[in-house]
């Protein structure tokens, strides 16, 4: 294991190149009271009834086709949305994109283009409204027009880090750590507008992994041996790259991302632990990593223009040590899951290029606690007693990992 001093040096070099986050208080939420569709010969009209006028941002996305609307944070009072069959809407999803910003995503069965988007003020008994006119277009026209953005809402004016208010990247050298408890960063996957997998029992992955993360946090803190933080404590969306930054900026000693997978084969069940590698251990893991790495797309984030990790040489130096620590920790977790008679996949330690595991200076693992696509396992994951059992096994793995860290530091 590498020395703490080397880790702190790497962290400072990396942190000094990250952008500074600033906190903007979230204003009182809007009420979104109704969502209505109207079919016309040349277009479909979408109307959102609000309790007050508000700025907005609207655009379309492809692969798959979606129409997206961003608004100041709202409380959804529209209930289930019924859309005419000919409108082309497969599903309507909504959730928090970041503090102060909420998002509505309309999954479409074909390419569409927004023709007009405008707001109407309150008029007599008619509430303030947001009106979106959209029409079917060819795939070619969609490609040429998809970059158009309607509305003037600037989502970048709102704090983008969703877990810690007032979080800022240090601009001065970080003082050496005192002898303090290790910091463990737990990352509940998905959240907000991204529900993750949906169980056969109708429960969202984002809900069960947050509950499991909180249970693990409780057990770790109750031991008195660790400091623990969550990347998200509520139902909010976080970019993959921000999850990594949160861990690095807080000087985490360990990063644990928690998920619950879904497969077409509903008979498959069992937990598994993943570490980072350029080459996937198997085809199923490759597909899983590709799916997890695309979750930012549900929020309309263009991964091709995201900032790359800094300074190749520093990253490679840090990764050599971090990768070895991550693998050791993953094997330790698998051992304790099995020792506590929790079902795992036959090959329970797997690896692939998960974006959320790419902190070069923080040992990181991604835990798939089970399969939401398996009816029995989905029900178990929705059970507090089962989550407590999983958390107990994971805590034992954390304990064993840090016992080895302390032994190596004495050598």
Protein backbone atom coordinates (compact mmCIF):
# COMPACT_ATOMS: atom_id res chain seq x y z
CA UNK A 1 0.00 0.00 0.00
CA UNK A 2 1.29 3.47 -0.74
CA UNK A 3 2.16 5.95 1.95
CA UNK A 4 -0.36 8.53 3.17
CA UNK A 5 2.12 11.31 2.35
CA UNK A 6 2.28 10.24 -1.29
CA UNK A 7 -1.50 10.09 -1.43
CA UNK A 8 -1.83 13.60 -0.01
CA UNK A 9 0.68 14.93 -2.56
CA UNK A 10 -1.29 13.38 -5.40
CA UNK A 11 -4.53 14.75 -3.99
CA UNK A 12 -3.16 18.27 -3.78
CA UNK A 13 -1.87 18.17 -7.34
CA UNK A 14 -5.21 16.92 -8.59
CA UNK A 15 -7.30 19.25 -6.46
CA UNK A 16 -5.40 22.33 -7.52
CA UNK A 17 -6.53 21.72 -11.09
CA UNK A 18 -10.25 21.28 -10.33
CA UNK A 19 -12.88 24.01 -10.70
CA UNK A 20 -14.23 25.80 -7.62
CA UNK A 21 -17.85 25.12 -6.69
CA UNK A 22 -19.99 27.86 -5.17
CA UNK A 23 -23.25 27.44 -3.31
CA UNK A 24 -26.43 29.21 -4.34
CA UNK A 25 -29.38 28.78 -1.94
CA UNK A 26 -32.30 26.93 -3.43
CA UNK A 27 -35.36 29.12 -3.78
CA UNK A 28 -38.83 28.02 -2.81
CA UNK A 29 -39.98 25.28 -5.13
CA UNK A 30 -42.51 25.78 -7.90
CA UNK A 31 -45.70 23.79 -7.97
CA UNK A 32 -46.14 21.91 -11.25
CA UNK A 33 -49.87 21.26 -11.16
CA UNK A 34 -50.71 19.66 -14.51
CA UNK A 35 -49.22 18.32 -17.75
CA UNK A 36 -51.52 18.32 -20.77
CA UNK A 37 -51.17 17.41 -24.46
CA UNK A 38 -53.14 18.68 -27.42
CA UNK A 39 -52.97 17.13 -30.90
CA UNK A 40 -53.06 19.39 -33.95
CA UNK A 41 -52.69 18.62 -37.63
CA UNK A 42 -49.11 19.89 -37.87
CA UNK A 43 -47.89 19.66 -34.28
CA UNK A 44 -48.44 18.46 -30.73
CA UNK A 45 -48.85 21.07 -28.00
CA UNK A 46 -47.56 20.35 -24.50
CA UNK A 47 -48.82 22.60 -21.69
CA UNK A 48 -47.44 22.68 -18.15
CA UNK A 49 -49.56 24.45 -15.53
CA UNK A 50 -47.45 26.19 -12.86
CA UNK A 51 -48.31 28.12 -9.73
CA UNK A 52 -46.17 31.05 -10.87
CA UNK A 53 -44.23 32.17 -13.93
CA UNK A 54 -40.74 30.73 -14.27
CA UNK A 55 -37.88 30.59 -16.72
CA UNK A 56 -37.17 27.31 -18.47
CA UNK A 57 -34.85 25.44 -20.82
CA UNK A 58 -36.09 22.91 -23.41
CA UNK A 59 -34.27 20.76 -25.95
CA UNK A 60 -34.30 17.31 -27.58
CA UNK A 61 -31.84 14.42 -27.36
CA UNK A 62 -31.21 11.33 -29.44
CA UNK A 63 -30.11 7.73 -28.84
CA UNK A 64 -32.75 7.24 -27.50
CA UNK A 65 -35.09 10.04 -28.55
CA UNK A 66 -36.12 12.33 -25.70
CA UNK A 67 -37.54 15.78 -25.10
CA UNK A 68 -36.18 17.51 -22.00
CA UNK A 69 -37.50 20.47 -19.99
CA UNK A 70 -35.55 22.09 -17.16
CA UNK A 71 -37.27 24.36 -14.62
CA UNK A 72 -36.43 25.85 -11.25
CA UNK A 73 -36.90 23.18 -8.58
CA UNK A 74 -40.54 22.14 -8.52
CA UNK A 75 -42.91 20.01 -6.52
CA UNK A 76 -44.64 17.58 -8.86
CA UNK A 77 -48.39 17.74 -8.34
CA UNK A 78 -49.39 16.58 -11.82
CA UNK A 79 -49.76 12.90 -10.90
CA UNK A 80 -49.47 10.34 -13.68
CA UNK A 81 -49.25 11.85 -17.15
CA UNK A 82 -51.59 10.56 -19.83
CA UNK A 83 -50.50 11.40 -23.34
CA UNK A 84 -52.40 10.76 -26.58
CA UNK A 85 -51.15 7.69 -28.45
CA UNK A 86 -50.27 9.79 -31.49
CA UNK A 87 -48.10 12.14 -29.44
CA UNK A 88 -45.29 9.59 -29.49
CA UNK A 89 -44.57 9.77 -25.75
CA UNK A 90 -43.49 6.42 -24.31
CA UNK A 91 -42.91 7.54 -20.74
CA UNK A 92 -42.67 10.69 -18.65
CA UNK A 93 -40.00 10.95 -15.94
CA UNK A 94 -39.12 13.77 -13.59
CA UNK A 95 -36.68 14.44 -10.78
CA UNK A 96 -33.99 16.70 -9.42
CA UNK A 97 -31.13 17.48 -11.76
CA UNK A 98 -29.17 19.50 -9.18
CA UNK A 99 -30.01 21.77 -6.25
CA UNK A 100 -32.43 24.41 -7.51
CA UNK A 101 -33.09 22.69 -10.86
CA UNK A 102 -35.64 20.00 -11.72
CA UNK A 103 -35.96 18.11 -14.99
CA UNK A 104 -38.76 16.46 -16.94
CA UNK A 105 -37.82 13.86 -19.56
CA UNK A 106 -40.30 12.66 -22.17
CA UNK A 107 -39.11 9.41 -23.76
CA UNK A 108 -40.21 9.50 -27.40
CA UNK A 109 -40.74 6.68 -29.86
CA UNK A 110 -39.55 8.79 -32.80
CA UNK A 111 -37.50 11.91 -33.60
CA UNK A 112 -39.21 15.22 -32.85
CA UNK A 113 -38.25 18.85 -33.12
CA UNK A 114 -39.38 21.71 -30.90
CA UNK A 115 -41.03 24.40 -33.00
CA UNK A 116 -41.92 26.92 -30.32
CA UNK A 117 -41.50 27.21 -26.56
CA UNK A 118 -42.92 30.09 -24.55
CA UNK A 119 -44.57 31.04 -21.26
CA UNK A 120 -47.99 32.57 -20.66
CA UNK A 121 -48.75 34.70 -17.58
CA UNK A 122 -51.71 34.14 -15.30
CA UNK A 123 -54.91 35.18 -17.06
CA UNK A 124 -58.10 35.20 -14.99
CA UNK A 125 -58.69 31.66 -13.78
CA UNK A 126 -55.95 30.29 -16.05
CA UNK A 127 -52.64 29.67 -14.24
CA UNK A 128 -49.18 30.59 -15.54
CA UNK A 129 -48.25 28.09 -18.26
CA UNK A 130 -45.27 26.80 -20.15
CA UNK A 131 -46.16 25.85 -23.72
CA UNK A 132 -44.03 23.59 -25.95
CA UNK A 133 -45.02 22.95 -29.57
CA UNK A 134 -43.22 20.01 -31.16
CA UNK A 135 -43.59 18.00 -34.36
CA UNK A 136 -42.40 14.76 -35.92
CA UNK A 137 -39.33 15.11 -38.14
CA UNK A 138 -37.09 12.85 -40.17
CA UNK A 139 -33.92 11.44 -38.62
CA UNK A 140 -31.86 13.69 -40.88
CA UNK A 141 -33.70 16.86 -39.86
CA UNK A 142 -33.48 15.81 -36.21
CA UNK A 143 -29.69 15.56 -36.49
CA UNK A 144 -29.49 19.02 -38.04
CA UNK A 145 -31.75 20.73 -35.48
CA UNK A 146 -31.15 18.82 -32.22
CA UNK A 147 -28.65 21.38 -30.92
CA UNK A 148 -31.34 24.05 -30.62
CA UNK A 149 -32.11 25.13 -27.05
CA UNK A 150 -35.27 27.07 -26.14
CA UNK A 151 -35.63 29.30 -23.08
CA UNK A 152 -33.04 31.23 -21.09
CA UNK A 153 -32.77 29.29 -17.83
CA UNK A 154 -29.08 29.11 -16.93
CA UNK A 155 -28.64 25.91 -14.94
CA UNK A 156 -24.93 26.66 -14.44
CA UNK A 157 -25.86 29.57 -12.16
CA UNK A 158 -27.01 27.00 -9.64
CA UNK A 159 -24.71 24.90 -7.45
CA UNK A 160 -23.91 21.74 -9.42
CA UNK A 161 -22.52 19.63 -6.61
CA UNK A 162 -25.54 18.06 -5.05
CA UNK A 163 -24.19 16.44 -1.94
CA UNK A 164 -22.48 19.11 0.13
CA UNK A 165 -23.67 22.71 0.40
CA UNK A 166 -20.83 25.19 0.36
CA UNK A 167 -18.39 22.63 -1.06
CA UNK A 168 -15.31 24.32 -2.45
CA UNK A 169 -12.07 23.06 -3.88
CA UNK A 170 -9.10 24.21 -1.77
CA UNK A 171 -7.05 26.84 -3.54
CA UNK A 172 -4.13 26.56 -1.14
CA UNK A 173 -1.98 23.55 -0.28
CA UNK A 174 -3.74 21.07 1.97
CA UNK A 175 -2.03 20.79 5.36
CA UNK A 176 -0.81 17.32 6.30
CA UNK A 177 -3.52 15.17 7.86
CA UNK A 178 -3.47 14.74 11.58
CA UNK A 179 -3.92 11.26 12.96
CA UNK A 180 -7.65 11.05 12.30
CA UNK A 181 -10.17 8.39 11.49
CA UNK A 182 -10.25 7.19 7.88
CA UNK A 183 -12.87 8.90 5.70
CA UNK A 184 -15.14 6.58 3.73
CA UNK A 185 -17.19 8.04 0.87
CA UNK A 186 -20.33 6.04 0.06
CA UNK A 187 -21.93 6.74 -3.30
CA UNK A 188 -25.59 5.67 -3.73
CA UNK A 189 -26.00 5.22 -7.49
CA UNK A 190 -28.46 7.07 -9.71
CA UNK A 191 -30.98 9.51 -8.17
CA UNK A 192 -33.24 12.36 -9.17
CA UNK A 193 -34.25 12.20 -12.79
CA UNK A 194 -32.30 8.93 -13.18
CA UNK A 195 -34.20 6.13 -11.38
CA UNK A 196 -31.78 3.34 -12.31
CA UNK A 197 -33.25 -0.13 -12.62
CA UNK A 198 -36.92 -0.65 -11.82
CA UNK A 199 -37.69 -3.78 -9.82
CA UNK A 200 -40.43 -6.25 -10.62
CA UNK A 201 -42.03 -4.91 -7.42
CA UNK A 202 -42.08 -1.38 -8.88
CA UNK A 203 -39.33 -0.11 -6.58
CA UNK A 204 -36.58 2.06 -8.07
CA UNK A 205 -32.92 1.17 -7.75
CA UNK A 206 -32.16 4.73 -6.65
CA UNK A 207 -34.36 4.22 -3.57
CA UNK A 208 -32.97 0.91 -2.33
CA UNK A 209 -29.31 1.85 -2.87
CA UNK A 210 -29.78 5.10 -0.94
CA UNK A 211 -31.36 3.17 1.93
CA UNK A 212 -28.51 0.64 1.87
CA UNK A 213 -25.91 3.43 1.79
CA UNK A 214 -27.49 5.07 4.84
CA UNK A 215 -27.53 1.74 6.71
CA UNK A 216 -23.86 1.14 5.90
CA UNK A 217 -23.03 4.69 7.00
CA UNK A 218 -24.81 4.10 10.31
CA UNK A 219 -23.00 0.86 11.03
CA UNK A 220 -19.59 2.31 10.15
CA UNK A 221 -20.15 5.42 12.28
CA UNK A 222 -21.54 3.42 15.19
CA UNK A 223 -18.25 1.51 15.33
CA UNK A 224 -16.46 4.76 16.20
CA UNK A 225 -13.62 3.90 13.83
CA UNK A 226 -14.52 5.94 10.74
CA UNK A 227 -15.76 9.20 9.34
CA UNK A 228 -18.39 8.63 6.66
CA UNK A 229 -19.97 10.86 4.01
CA UNK A 230 -22.52 10.18 1.28
CA UNK A 231 -22.31 11.69 -2.19
CA UNK A 232 -26.08 12.13 -1.97
CA UNK A 233 -28.42 11.92 1.01
CA UNK A 234 -31.64 12.66 -0.87
CA UNK A 235 -33.23 11.84 -4.21
CA UNK A 236 -31.03 14.06 -6.38
CA UNK A 237 -29.02 13.60 -9.56
CA UNK A 238 -25.21 13.76 -9.58
CA UNK A 239 -22.97 13.57 -12.63
CA UNK A 240 -20.57 10.64 -12.64
CA UNK A 241 -17.55 12.93 -12.73
CA UNK A 242 -18.89 14.92 -9.76
CA UNK A 243 -19.19 11.75 -7.69
CA UNK A 244 -15.48 11.16 -8.23
CA UNK A 245 -14.63 14.80 -7.48
CA UNK A 246 -16.55 14.72 -4.21
CA UNK A 247 -14.42 11.82 -3.01
CA UNK A 248 -11.15 13.45 -4.05
CA UNK A 249 -11.99 16.89 -2.70
CA UNK A 250 -12.75 15.49 0.72
CA UNK A 251 -9.60 13.40 0.81
CA UNK A 252 -11.51 10.13 1.03
CA UNK A 253 -9.55 7.04 2.00
CA UNK A 254 -12.07 4.70 0.40
CA UNK A 255 -14.88 5.09 -2.17
CA UNK A 256 -17.81 2.65 -2.26
CA UNK A 257 -20.42 3.04 -5.01
CA UNK A 258 -23.62 1.05 -4.41
CA UNK A 259 -25.95 -0.16 -7.17
CA UNK A 260 -28.52 -2.90 -7.88
CA UNK A 261 -28.35 -4.29 -11.42
CA UNK A 262 -31.00 -5.49 -13.84
CA UNK A 263 -30.81 -8.24 -16.46
CA UNK A 264 -33.11 -9.63 -19.14
CA UNK A 265 -32.65 -13.02 -17.47
CA UNK A 266 -34.80 -12.57 -14.36
CA UNK A 267 -33.58 -15.80 -12.78
CA UNK A 268 -30.08 -14.41 -12.11
CA UNK A 269 -29.45 -13.23 -8.56
CA UNK A 270 -26.53 -12.50 -6.26
CA UNK A 271 -24.20 -9.67 -5.28
CA UNK A 272 -20.94 -8.78 -7.02
CA UNK A 273 -18.08 -6.30 -6.59
CA UNK A 274 -16.37 -4.43 -9.42
CA UNK A 275 -13.03 -2.68 -9.78
CA UNK A 276 -11.60 -0.54 -12.56
CA UNK A 277 -9.92 -1.95 -15.65
CA UNK A 278 -9.63 -0.87 -19.26
CA UNK A 279 -10.67 -4.39 -20.31
CA UNK A 280 -13.83 -5.94 -18.93
CA UNK A 281 -13.66 -9.33 -17.22
CA UNK A 282 -16.62 -10.64 -19.24
CA UNK A 283 -19.28 -9.56 -21.73
CA UNK A 284 -21.98 -9.07 -19.10
CA UNK A 285 -19.71 -6.76 -17.09
CA UNK A 286 -18.81 -4.82 -20.24
CA UNK A 287 -22.50 -4.22 -20.93
CA UNK A 288 -23.08 -3.22 -17.30
CA UNK A 289 -20.21 -0.70 -17.38
CA UNK A 290 -21.44 0.74 -20.66
CA UNK A 291 -24.94 1.14 -19.23
CA UNK A 292 -23.73 2.71 -15.97
CA UNK A 293 -21.39 5.06 -17.83
CA UNK A 294 -24.32 6.33 -19.92
CA UNK A 295 -26.44 7.47 -16.97
CA UNK A 296 -25.29 11.06 -17.48
CA UNK A 297 -27.05 10.99 -20.85
CA UNK A 298 -30.41 10.83 -19.09
CA UNK A 299 -29.58 14.29 -17.77
CA UNK A 300 -28.60 15.64 -21.17
CA UNK A 301 -24.89 15.81 -20.43
CA UNK A 302 -22.56 15.62 -23.41
CA UNK A 303 -19.77 13.34 -22.22
CA UNK A 304 -17.61 14.26 -25.20
CA UNK A 305 -17.04 17.77 -23.85
CA UNK A 306 -16.52 16.89 -20.17
CA UNK A 307 -13.14 17.80 -18.71
CA UNK A 308 -10.56 15.02 -18.79
CA UNK A 309 -8.69 13.86 -15.70
CA UNK A 310 -5.57 15.86 -15.10
CA UNK A 311 -1.84 15.34 -15.67
CA UNK A 312 -1.29 11.91 -17.16
CA UNK A 313 1.94 11.17 -15.29
CA UNK A 314 0.47 11.97 -11.86
CA UNK A 315 -2.62 9.94 -12.65
CA UNK A 316 -0.61 6.90 -13.71
CA UNK A 317 1.57 7.09 -10.60
CA UNK A 318 -1.44 7.24 -8.33
CA UNK A 319 -3.37 4.55 -10.20
CA UNK A 320 -0.68 1.89 -9.79
CA UNK A 321 -1.06 1.92 -6.03
CA UNK A 322 -4.80 2.66 -6.00
CA UNK A 323 -5.66 -0.22 -8.34
CA UNK A 324 -3.90 -2.75 -6.15
CA UNK A 325 -5.67 -1.45 -3.05
CA UNK A 326 -9.04 -1.53 -4.82
CA UNK A 327 -8.56 -5.16 -5.89
CA UNK A 328 -7.58 -6.21 -2.38
CA UNK A 329 -10.63 -4.44 -0.93
CA UNK A 330 -12.96 -6.02 -3.52
CA UNK A 331 -11.73 -9.53 -2.72
CA UNK A 332 -12.12 -8.79 0.98
CA UNK A 333 -15.74 -7.70 0.48
CA UNK A 334 -16.54 -10.84 -1.50
CA UNK A 335 -15.07 -13.00 1.25
CA UNK A 336 -17.25 -11.41 3.91
CA UNK A 337 -20.42 -11.43 1.81
CA UNK A 338 -19.99 -15.16 1.37
CA UNK A 339 -18.96 -15.74 4.99
CA UNK A 340 -22.24 -14.09 6.07
CA UNK A 341 -24.14 -16.41 3.71
CA UNK A 342 -25.23 -13.69 1.32
CA UNK A 343 -25.62 -14.95 -2.22
CA UNK A 344 -23.03 -13.77 -4.74
CA UNK A 345 -22.40 -14.47 -8.40
CA UNK A 346 -20.05 -17.38 -9.07
CA UNK A 347 -17.37 -14.96 -10.20
CA UNK A 348 -18.13 -12.20 -7.73
CA UNK A 349 -15.10 -9.92 -8.24
CA UNK A 350 -15.29 -8.49 -11.74
CA UNK A 351 -13.77 -5.50 -13.48
CA UNK A 352 -14.46 -3.02 -16.29
CA UNK A 353 -14.08 0.65 -17.17
CA UNK A 354 -16.64 2.15 -14.78
CA UNK A 355 -16.42 5.96 -14.94
CA UNK A 356 -17.34 6.32 -11.27
CA UNK A 357 -14.26 4.32 -10.22
CA UNK A 358 -11.72 6.58 -11.94
CA UNK A 359 -10.46 8.55 -8.95
CA UNK A 360 -6.72 8.01 -9.41
CA UNK A 361 -5.89 8.52 -5.73
CA UNK A 362 -8.82 6.88 -3.90
CA UNK A 363 -9.23 3.08 -3.72
CA UNK A 364 -12.68 2.49 -5.22
CA UNK A 365 -15.16 -0.33 -5.73
CA UNK A 366 -18.65 -0.58 -7.20
CA UNK A 367 -20.99 -2.99 -5.41
CA UNK A 368 -23.98 -4.49 -7.17
CA UNK A 369 -26.01 -5.51 -4.13
CA UNK A 370 -28.31 -7.73 -6.19
CA UNK A 371 -30.61 -7.76 -9.18
CA UNK A 372 -33.74 -5.64 -9.29
CA UNK A 373 -34.87 -7.80 -12.20
CA UNK A 374 -35.13 -10.83 -9.89
CA UNK A 375 -38.45 -10.68 -8.04
CA UNK A 376 -37.20 -12.29 -4.83
CA UNK A 377 -34.02 -10.21 -4.71
CA UNK A 378 -35.88 -6.98 -5.48
CA UNK A 379 -38.14 -7.66 -2.50
CA UNK A 380 -35.11 -8.45 -0.31
CA UNK A 381 -33.36 -5.22 -1.31
CA UNK A 382 -36.52 -3.36 -0.36
CA UNK A 383 -36.35 -4.96 3.09
CA UNK A 384 -34.59 -3.08 5.92
CA UNK A 385 -33.52 -6.33 7.60
CA UNK A 386 -31.84 -7.63 4.44
CA UNK A 387 -30.08 -4.30 3.83
CA UNK A 388 -28.83 -4.44 7.43
CA UNK A 389 -27.36 -7.88 6.77
CA UNK A 390 -25.59 -6.67 3.61
CA UNK A 391 -24.26 -3.59 5.41
CA UNK A 392 -22.93 -5.77 8.24
CA UNK A 393 -20.92 -7.88 5.79
CA UNK A 394 -19.61 -4.80 3.98
CA UNK A 395 -18.53 -3.24 7.28
CA UNK A 396 -16.54 -6.37 8.10
CA UNK A 397 -14.80 -6.00 4.74
CA UNK A 398 -14.00 -2.35 5.49
CA UNK A 399 -12.60 -3.32 8.91
CA UNK A 400 -10.34 -5.96 7.41
CA UNK A 401 -9.14 -3.61 4.69
CA UNK A 402 -8.04 -0.94 7.17
CA UNK A 403 -6.43 -3.55 9.43
CA UNK A 404 -4.20 -4.40 6.47
CA UNK A 405 -3.56 -0.71 5.76
CA UNK A 406 -2.37 -0.19 9.33
CA UNK A 407 -0.11 -3.26 9.14
CA UNK A 408 1.50 -2.02 5.92
CA UNK A 409 2.06 1.45 7.37
CA UNK A 410 3.98 -0.13 10.26
CA UNK A 411 6.33 -2.00 7.90
